[in-house]
C-alpha atoms as a PDB file:
ATOM      1  CA  MET A   1       5.103   9.155  -0.603  1.00  0.00           C
ATOM      2  CA  GLN A   2       5.113  11.279   2.554  1.00  0.00           C
ATOM      3  CA  ASP A   3       2.505  13.587   0.993  1.00  0.00           C
ATOM      4  CA  ALA A   4       0.214  10.650   0.235  1.00  0.00           C
ATOM      5  CA  ALA A   5       0.439   9.427   3.825  1.00  0.00           C
ATOM      6  CA  LYS A   6      -0.035  12.962   5.192  1.00  0.00           C
ATOM      7  CA  ASN A   7      -3.113  13.553   2.997  1.00  0.00           C
ATOM      8  CA  ARG A   8      -4.661  10.311   4.242  1.00  0.00           C
ATOM      9  CA  ALA A   9      -3.906  11.173   7.868  1.00  0.00           C
ATOM     10  CA  ASN A  10      -5.625  14.544   7.357  1.00  0.00           C
ATOM     11  CA  GLY A  11      -8.835  12.968   6.103  1.00  0.00           C
ATOM     12  CA  GLY A  12      -7.933  12.694   2.401  1.00  0.00           C
ATOM     13  CA  ALA A  13      -9.283   9.743   0.439  1.00  0.00           C
ATOM     14  CA  ASP A  14      -9.039   7.358   3.374  1.00  0.00           C
ATOM     15  CA  PRO A  15     -12.455   5.947   4.344  1.00  0.00           C
ATOM     16  CA  VAL A  16     -11.125   4.929   7.773  1.00  0.00           C
ATOM     17  CA  GLU A  17      -9.977   8.408   8.856  1.00  0.00           C
ATOM     18  CA  GLY A  18      -6.231   8.271   8.821  1.00  0.00           C
ATOM     19  CA  ARG A  19      -5.353   4.611   9.320  1.00  0.00           C
ATOM     20  CA  THR A  20      -2.251   4.006   7.244  1.00  0.00           C
ATOM     21  CA  PHE A  21      -0.883   0.563   6.451  1.00  0.00           C
ATOM     22  CA  TYR A  22       2.404   0.106   4.577  1.00  0.00           C
ATOM     23  CA  GLY A  23       3.833  -2.952   2.907  1.00  0.00           C
ATOM     24  CA  THR A  24       6.353  -4.046   0.315  1.00  0.00           C
ATOM     25  CA  SER A  25       6.056  -6.657  -2.388  1.00  0.00           C
ATOM     26  CA  HIS A  26       7.778  -7.925  -5.504  1.00  0.00           C
ATOM     27  CA  ILE A  27       4.391  -8.080  -7.240  1.00  0.00           C
ATOM     28  CA  PRO A  28       3.902  -5.169  -9.700  1.00  0.00           C
ATOM     29  CA  PRO A  29       1.018  -2.730  -9.049  1.00  0.00           C
ATOM     30  CA  ASP A  30      -0.931  -3.902 -12.107  1.00  0.00           C
ATOM     31  CA  ARG A  31      -1.209  -7.379 -10.499  1.00  0.00           C
ATOM     32  CA  LEU A  32      -1.633  -6.472  -6.815  1.00  0.00           C
ATOM     33  CA  THR A  33      -4.948  -4.884  -5.811  1.00  0.00           C
ATOM     34  CA  SER A  34      -5.315  -6.095  -2.206  1.00  0.00           C
ATOM     35  CA  ARG A  35      -3.765  -8.248   0.519  1.00  0.00           C
ATOM     36  CA  PRO A  36      -5.404 -10.598   3.023  1.00  0.00           C
ATOM     37  CA  ILE A  37      -5.646  -9.672   6.695  1.00  0.00           C
ATOM     38  CA  GLY A  38      -7.128 -11.604   9.607  1.00  0.00           C
ATOM     39  CA  ASN A  39     -10.785 -10.744   8.998  1.00  0.00           C
ATOM     40  CA  GLY A  40     -10.889  -9.466   5.408  1.00  0.00           C
ATOM     41  CA  ARG A  41      -8.723  -7.657   2.882  1.00  0.00           C
ATOM     42  CA  GLN A  42      -6.874  -4.358   2.633  1.00  0.00           C
ATOM     43  CA  THR A  43      -7.075  -2.656  -0.768  1.00  0.00           C
ATOM     44  CA  VAL A  44      -4.170  -0.806  -2.373  1.00  0.00           C
ATOM     45  CA  TYR A  45      -4.518   2.970  -2.023  1.00  0.00           C
ATOM     46  CA  GLU A  46      -1.231   3.980  -3.682  1.00  0.00           C
ATOM     47  CA  SER A  47       1.986   2.323  -4.869  1.00  0.00           C
ATOM     48  CA  PHE A  48       5.556   3.465  -5.494  1.00  0.00           C
ATOM     49  CA  GLY A  49       8.457   1.885  -7.329  1.00  0.00           C
ATOM     50  CA  PRO A  50      10.058  -0.166  -8.654  1.00  0.00           C
ATOM     51  CA  PHE A  51      13.083   0.067  -6.377  1.00  0.00           C
ATOM     52  CA  LYS A  52      16.271  -1.977  -6.269  1.00  0.00           C
ATOM     53  CA  ASP A  53      16.416  -4.268  -3.262  1.00  0.00           C
ATOM     54  CA  SER A  54      19.743  -5.448  -1.827  1.00  0.00           C
ATOM     55  CA  THR A  55      18.280  -8.845  -0.862  1.00  0.00           C
ATOM     56  CA  SER A  56      16.536  -9.739  -4.116  1.00  0.00           C
ATOM     57  CA  ARG A  57      17.112  -9.496  -7.851  1.00  0.00           C
ATOM     58  CA  GLN A  58      13.431  -8.684  -8.350  1.00  0.00           C
ATOM     59  CA  PRO A  59      12.203  -5.075  -8.180  1.00  0.00           C
ATOM     60  CA  THR A  60      10.496  -4.073  -4.936  1.00  0.00           C
ATOM     61  CA  TYR A  61       7.341  -1.935  -4.698  1.00  0.00           C
ATOM     62  CA  ILE A  62       6.064   0.008  -1.687  1.00  0.00           C
ATOM     63  CA  TYR A  63       2.304  -0.026  -1.080  1.00  0.00           C
ATOM     64  CA  ILE A  64      -0.077   2.020   1.048  1.00  0.00           C
ATOM     65  CA  TYR A  65      -3.272   0.131   1.910  1.00  0.00           C
ATOM     66  CA  ASN A  66      -6.796   1.087   2.942  1.00  0.00           C
ATOM     67  CA  ASP A  67      -8.481  -0.844   5.725  1.00  0.00           C
ATOM     68  CA  PRO A  68     -10.928  -2.486   5.504  1.00  0.00           C
ATOM     69  CA  GLY A  69     -10.877  -3.461   1.868  1.00  0.00           C
ATOM     70  CA  HIS A  70     -13.068  -5.561  -0.342  1.00  0.00           C
END
């Protein structure tokens, strides 16, 4: 995961030159493609998981988002 964030910060596949947004969700990657933000949507760039979460019985996924998304 650190490599994915580092590649984006160094001008990898990120169209917004290094902006990195992280988030977690219980929604699996095949069902989550974006999330709403104040003036649009952020699209999923990469996902990791599932992980066990101490506060939930559901698996938790970590997401890296692009901004802005469509």
